[in-house]
Amino acid sequence: MGLVVVRLALGAFLLFEGIGKLSWFVDASRLLQFLTGWLEKAPAASHWYLQHVAIPGAPLFARFVPLGELAAAVALLLGVRTRLAAVLAFLMVLNFHLASGMLFRTEFLTSGYALPVLGGLAGLALHRGRLPWSLGK
């Protein structure tokens, strides 16, 4: 039953994160501002990732990220394909922590957007079986 609370809380979290990024659909420069701002202070791994993957792909990511967050949110809230939604959401969140460089700083360990979110998503992804109050696995 505890994972149901985690599933619903993370579903609500991702829903509002996705809603907050809907403006990226019409203006990819908003994502690009984040990415170029992170580039200045990025550690080597993040710097390479930003220059070669994230910044060139910003127009595409500006559409996929909100869609991904909203799809994962709906899946988690309804309990449909929970494991798949959790894995995909985990990868999206981890991607942001890599791009921002947060993954390589000690603040990663104390940020409410880092370990609690990634840990909860990992717990849901690793859980076998159907959770109560779910429409599917």
Protein backbone atom coordinates (compact mmCIF):
# COMPACT_ATOMS: atom_id res chain seq x y z
CA MET A 1 0.00 0.00 0.00
CA GLY A 2 2.94 2.34 0.64
CA LEU A 3 3.99 2.24 -3.00
CA VAL A 4 0.49 3.38 -3.98
CA VAL A 5 1.11 6.59 -2.05
CA VAL A 6 4.49 6.95 -3.78
CA ARG A 7 2.89 6.25 -7.18
CA LEU A 8 0.17 8.87 -6.66
CA ALA A 9 2.54 11.49 -5.23
CA LEU A 10 5.01 11.09 -8.09
CA GLY A 11 2.14 11.10 -10.59
CA ALA A 12 0.95 14.44 -9.19
CA PHE A 13 4.52 15.77 -9.18
CA LEU A 14 5.07 14.82 -12.83
CA LEU A 15 1.66 16.18 -13.82
CA PHE A 16 2.47 19.64 -12.52
CA GLU A 17 6.03 19.52 -13.86
CA GLY A 18 4.60 18.69 -17.30
CA ILE A 19 1.95 21.40 -17.09
CA GLY A 20 4.67 23.90 -16.18
CA LYS A 21 6.56 23.00 -19.35
CA LEU A 22 3.65 23.21 -21.81
CA SER A 23 4.88 26.61 -22.99
CA TRP A 24 7.95 24.83 -24.40
CA PHE A 25 5.74 23.52 -27.23
CA VAL A 26 5.45 26.98 -28.76
CA ASP A 27 8.75 28.40 -27.55
CA ALA A 28 11.68 25.98 -27.37
CA SER A 29 13.94 28.90 -26.44
CA ARG A 30 12.70 28.58 -22.86
CA LEU A 31 14.36 25.17 -22.59
CA LEU A 32 17.38 26.49 -24.46
CA GLN A 33 17.79 29.23 -21.81
CA PHE A 34 18.03 26.60 -19.07
CA LEU A 35 20.50 24.52 -21.04
CA THR A 36 22.82 27.40 -22.00
CA GLY A 37 22.68 28.70 -18.43
CA TRP A 38 23.78 25.31 -17.12
CA LEU A 39 26.60 25.16 -19.69
CA GLU A 40 28.59 27.91 -17.94
CA LYS A 41 29.01 25.98 -14.67
CA ALA A 42 28.76 22.43 -16.00
CA PRO A 43 31.28 19.76 -15.03
CA ALA A 44 33.03 18.01 -17.94
CA ALA A 45 30.47 15.20 -18.43
CA SER A 46 27.54 17.61 -18.33
CA HIS A 47 29.35 20.12 -20.54
CA TRP A 48 29.87 17.50 -23.25
CA TYR A 49 26.28 16.28 -22.94
CA LEU A 50 24.90 19.82 -23.18
CA GLN A 51 27.04 20.78 -26.19
CA HIS A 52 26.56 17.58 -28.19
CA VAL A 53 23.12 16.27 -27.22
CA ALA A 54 20.87 18.58 -25.20
CA ILE A 55 21.41 21.97 -26.86
CA PRO A 56 21.33 20.67 -30.45
CA GLY A 57 18.25 18.59 -29.57
CA ALA A 58 16.46 21.34 -27.63
CA PRO A 59 13.70 21.91 -30.23
CA LEU A 60 12.85 18.21 -30.11
CA PHE A 61 13.24 17.84 -26.34
CA ALA A 62 11.04 20.92 -25.79
CA ARG A 63 8.17 18.87 -27.19
CA PHE A 64 9.04 15.41 -25.87
CA VAL A 65 9.75 16.35 -22.24
CA PRO A 66 6.31 17.83 -21.45
CA LEU A 67 4.61 14.99 -23.31
CA GLY A 68 6.71 12.42 -21.48
CA GLU A 69 6.07 13.96 -18.09
CA LEU A 70 2.33 14.23 -18.72
CA ALA A 71 2.10 10.67 -20.08
CA ALA A 72 4.07 9.28 -17.15
CA ALA A 73 1.90 11.29 -14.75
CA VAL A 74 -1.35 9.92 -16.16
CA ALA A 75 0.03 6.37 -16.16
CA LEU A 76 1.16 6.68 -12.53
CA LEU A 77 -2.04 8.34 -11.36
CA LEU A 78 -4.18 5.66 -13.00
CA GLY A 79 -1.83 2.79 -12.25
CA VAL A 80 -1.47 1.81 -15.89
CA ARG A 81 1.91 0.41 -17.00
CA THR A 82 3.38 1.69 -13.75
CA ARG A 83 6.77 0.02 -14.17
CA LEU A 84 7.25 1.35 -17.71
CA ALA A 85 6.11 4.84 -16.73
CA ALA A 86 8.45 4.81 -13.73
CA VAL A 87 11.44 3.71 -15.83
CA LEU A 88 10.82 6.38 -18.47
CA ALA A 89 10.22 9.09 -15.86
CA PHE A 90 13.37 7.99 -14.00
CA LEU A 91 15.40 8.42 -17.20
CA MET A 92 13.89 11.86 -17.88
CA VAL A 93 14.61 13.09 -14.36
CA LEU A 94 18.12 11.64 -14.44
CA ASN A 95 18.66 13.38 -17.78
CA PHE A 96 17.84 16.76 -16.23
CA HIS A 97 20.21 16.12 -13.33
CA LEU A 98 22.97 15.18 -15.77
CA ALA A 99 22.36 18.22 -17.97
CA SER A 100 22.23 20.64 -15.04
CA GLY A 101 25.37 19.16 -13.51
CA MET A 102 23.44 18.51 -10.28
CA LEU A 103 24.25 14.80 -10.54
CA PHE A 104 27.90 15.62 -9.80
CA ARG A 105 27.36 17.99 -6.85
CA THR A 106 26.66 17.26 -3.21
CA GLU A 107 23.39 19.23 -3.48
CA PHE A 108 22.10 16.22 -5.43
CA LEU A 109 21.93 14.39 -2.10
CA THR A 110 19.77 17.04 -0.43
CA SER A 111 17.58 18.30 -3.27
CA GLY A 112 13.92 17.32 -3.10
CA TYR A 113 13.98 16.97 -6.88
CA ALA A 114 16.78 14.42 -6.86
CA LEU A 115 17.01 11.39 -4.58
CA PRO A 116 13.39 11.39 -3.36
CA VAL A 117 12.04 11.52 -6.92
CA LEU A 118 14.59 9.12 -8.39
CA GLY A 119 14.32 6.77 -5.40
CA GLY A 120 10.54 6.68 -5.59
CA LEU A 121 10.57 6.07 -9.34
CA ALA A 122 13.20 3.34 -8.92
CA GLY A 123 11.07 1.68 -6.23
CA LEU A 124 8.07 1.68 -8.55
CA ALA A 125 10.14 0.41 -11.48
CA LEU A 126 11.58 -2.45 -9.46
CA HIS A 127 8.30 -3.53 -7.87
CA ARG A 128 6.89 -6.76 -9.26
CA GLY A 129 3.17 -7.28 -9.54
CA ARG A 130 0.11 -5.13 -9.53
CA LEU A 131 -0.30 -2.36 -6.96
CA PRO A 132 -3.66 -1.84 -5.26
CA TRP A 133 -5.94 0.75 -6.88
CA SER A 134 -4.34 0.23 -10.29
CA LEU A 135 -6.01 -0.15 -13.63
CA GLY A 136 -3.12 -2.34 -14.86
CA LYS A 137 0.39 -3.53 -14.06
